[in-house]
Amino acid sequence: MSFMSVRQLTLQEVKLGFTQRDEDVTDFGACSTLSCDFRYLVTGGGDGELVLQHSATGEVGTFFTIANVSWPVTGSGGSGRFVVVTQFLRYIRVAMQGETVTGTPMAQLDIIGRA
């Protein structure tokens, strides 16, 4: 079975309005399943949550959120959340949604894409 392993989100601060840069978008076109290993190393407060977004073309303005895949900033700092995604378009990125994010949340996301 072929696969690809990507550190989708390097350890970094993820405040309100955070969206991955265009050059950090990953093309998972050869994959049918994404296994996501997410961690907050420092949590925050508020109602914000990191979400996975996808797009068929990867062009600006074409990304939208994958349903039921999110990580609230108030989650456990040291523990991760494992999510398997089977319905997605080709290009993947991470973004912060919500009304408020307090503190300095620090997050990291690794994804294994399987064919």
Protein backbone atom coordinates (compact mmCIF):
# COMPACT_ATOMS: atom_id res chain seq x y z
CA MET A 1 0.00 0.00 0.00
CA SER A 2 1.42 3.38 -0.93
CA PHE A 3 1.23 6.39 1.35
CA MET A 4 2.60 9.87 1.96
CA SER A 5 3.43 11.42 5.31
CA VAL A 6 3.25 15.21 5.72
CA ARG A 7 3.72 17.59 8.62
CA GLN A 8 0.77 19.71 7.49
CA LEU A 9 1.13 22.22 10.30
CA THR A 10 4.54 22.76 11.85
CA LEU A 11 4.44 23.75 15.51
CA GLN A 12 3.22 27.35 15.47
CA GLU A 13 0.89 29.88 17.02
CA VAL A 14 -2.66 29.69 15.65
CA LYS A 15 -4.64 32.81 16.49
CA LEU A 16 -8.02 33.94 15.18
CA GLY A 17 -7.83 34.54 11.44
CA PHE A 18 -5.01 32.00 10.92
CA THR A 19 -5.04 30.32 7.52
CA GLN A 20 -2.17 28.32 6.09
CA ARG A 21 -0.17 30.06 3.40
CA ASP A 22 -0.71 28.99 -0.21
CA GLU A 23 2.75 27.41 -0.33
CA ASP A 24 1.85 25.18 2.67
CA VAL A 25 -1.23 23.65 1.01
CA THR A 26 -0.74 19.91 0.34
CA ASP A 27 -1.85 18.00 -2.74
CA PHE A 28 -3.37 14.69 -1.56
CA GLY A 29 -4.75 13.87 -5.03
CA ALA A 30 -3.29 10.35 -5.04
CA CYS A 31 -4.84 9.50 -1.65
CA SER A 32 -8.25 8.17 -0.66
CA THR A 33 -7.84 8.37 3.14
CA LEU A 34 -6.22 10.93 5.43
CA SER A 35 -5.15 9.88 8.93
CA CYS A 36 -4.71 13.05 10.99
CA ASP A 37 -2.67 13.26 14.20
CA PHE A 38 -3.32 16.67 15.79
CA ARG A 39 -1.84 18.21 18.95
CA TYR A 40 -2.14 21.45 20.86
CA LEU A 41 1.10 21.82 22.78
CA VAL A 42 -0.29 25.01 24.36
CA THR A 43 -4.05 25.51 24.49
CA GLY A 44 -5.98 28.74 24.34
CA GLY A 45 -9.44 29.92 25.26
CA GLY A 46 -12.55 31.05 23.46
CA ASP A 47 -14.72 29.30 20.90
CA GLY A 48 -12.10 29.02 18.14
CA GLU A 49 -11.28 25.74 16.49
CA LEU A 50 -8.78 24.63 13.92
CA VAL A 51 -10.40 22.99 10.90
CA LEU A 52 -9.27 21.16 7.79
CA GLN A 53 -10.29 22.82 4.55
CA HIS A 54 -10.23 21.32 1.07
CA SER A 55 -10.40 22.43 -2.55
CA ALA A 56 -10.54 20.78 -5.96
CA THR A 57 -8.19 23.31 -7.57
CA GLY A 58 -6.14 24.85 -4.74
CA GLU A 59 -6.92 28.34 -6.04
CA VAL A 60 -7.46 31.28 -3.71
CA GLY A 61 -11.11 31.52 -2.64
CA THR A 62 -11.96 27.89 -3.42
CA PHE A 63 -11.29 26.28 -0.03
CA PHE A 64 -14.10 25.27 2.33
CA THR A 65 -14.28 23.37 5.61
CA ILE A 66 -14.50 19.57 5.76
CA ALA A 67 -17.52 18.69 7.91
CA ASN A 68 -16.93 17.17 11.35
CA VAL A 69 -13.14 17.68 11.37
CA SER A 70 -12.13 20.28 13.95
CA TRP A 71 -10.00 20.78 17.05
CA PRO A 72 -11.23 23.34 19.67
CA VAL A 73 -8.50 25.62 21.11
CA THR A 74 -9.65 24.64 24.59
CA GLY A 75 -8.65 20.99 23.97
CA SER A 76 -6.12 19.09 26.01
CA GLY A 77 -2.63 20.52 25.60
CA GLY A 78 -0.63 17.31 25.69
CA SER A 79 -3.08 14.90 24.14
CA GLY A 80 -3.86 14.57 20.48
CA ARG A 81 -6.95 13.80 18.53
CA PHE A 82 -6.82 11.18 15.79
CA VAL A 83 -9.23 11.72 12.90
CA VAL A 84 -9.68 9.71 9.71
CA VAL A 85 -11.02 11.61 6.69
CA THR A 86 -12.36 9.70 3.69
CA GLN A 87 -14.35 12.37 1.87
CA PHE A 88 -12.20 15.25 0.67
CA LEU A 89 -11.11 17.03 -2.46
CA ARG A 90 -7.53 17.19 -3.69
CA TYR A 91 -5.87 20.09 -1.81
CA ILE A 92 -5.76 20.38 2.01
CA ARG A 93 -4.97 23.26 4.38
CA VAL A 94 -5.62 24.24 8.01
CA ALA A 95 -7.52 27.34 9.20
CA MET A 96 -8.88 28.82 12.45
CA GLN A 97 -12.61 29.47 12.72
CA GLY A 98 -14.69 31.04 15.47
CA GLU A 99 -15.41 34.36 17.13
CA THR A 100 -12.72 34.47 19.83
CA VAL A 101 -9.33 32.93 20.55
CA THR A 102 -7.45 33.96 23.68
CA GLY A 103 -4.00 33.08 24.91
CA THR A 104 -1.30 31.77 22.60
CA PRO A 105 -2.43 28.38 21.28
CA MET A 106 0.41 26.37 19.69
CA ALA A 107 -0.59 23.51 17.39
CA GLN A 108 0.92 20.81 15.19
CA LEU A 109 -0.72 18.48 12.64
CA ASP A 110 0.70 15.43 10.90
CA ILE A 111 -1.23 13.70 8.11
CA ILE A 112 -0.67 10.30 6.54
CA GLY A 113 -2.40 10.00 3.18
CA ARG A 114 -3.09 6.47 1.94
CA ALA A 115 -4.00 5.38 -1.55
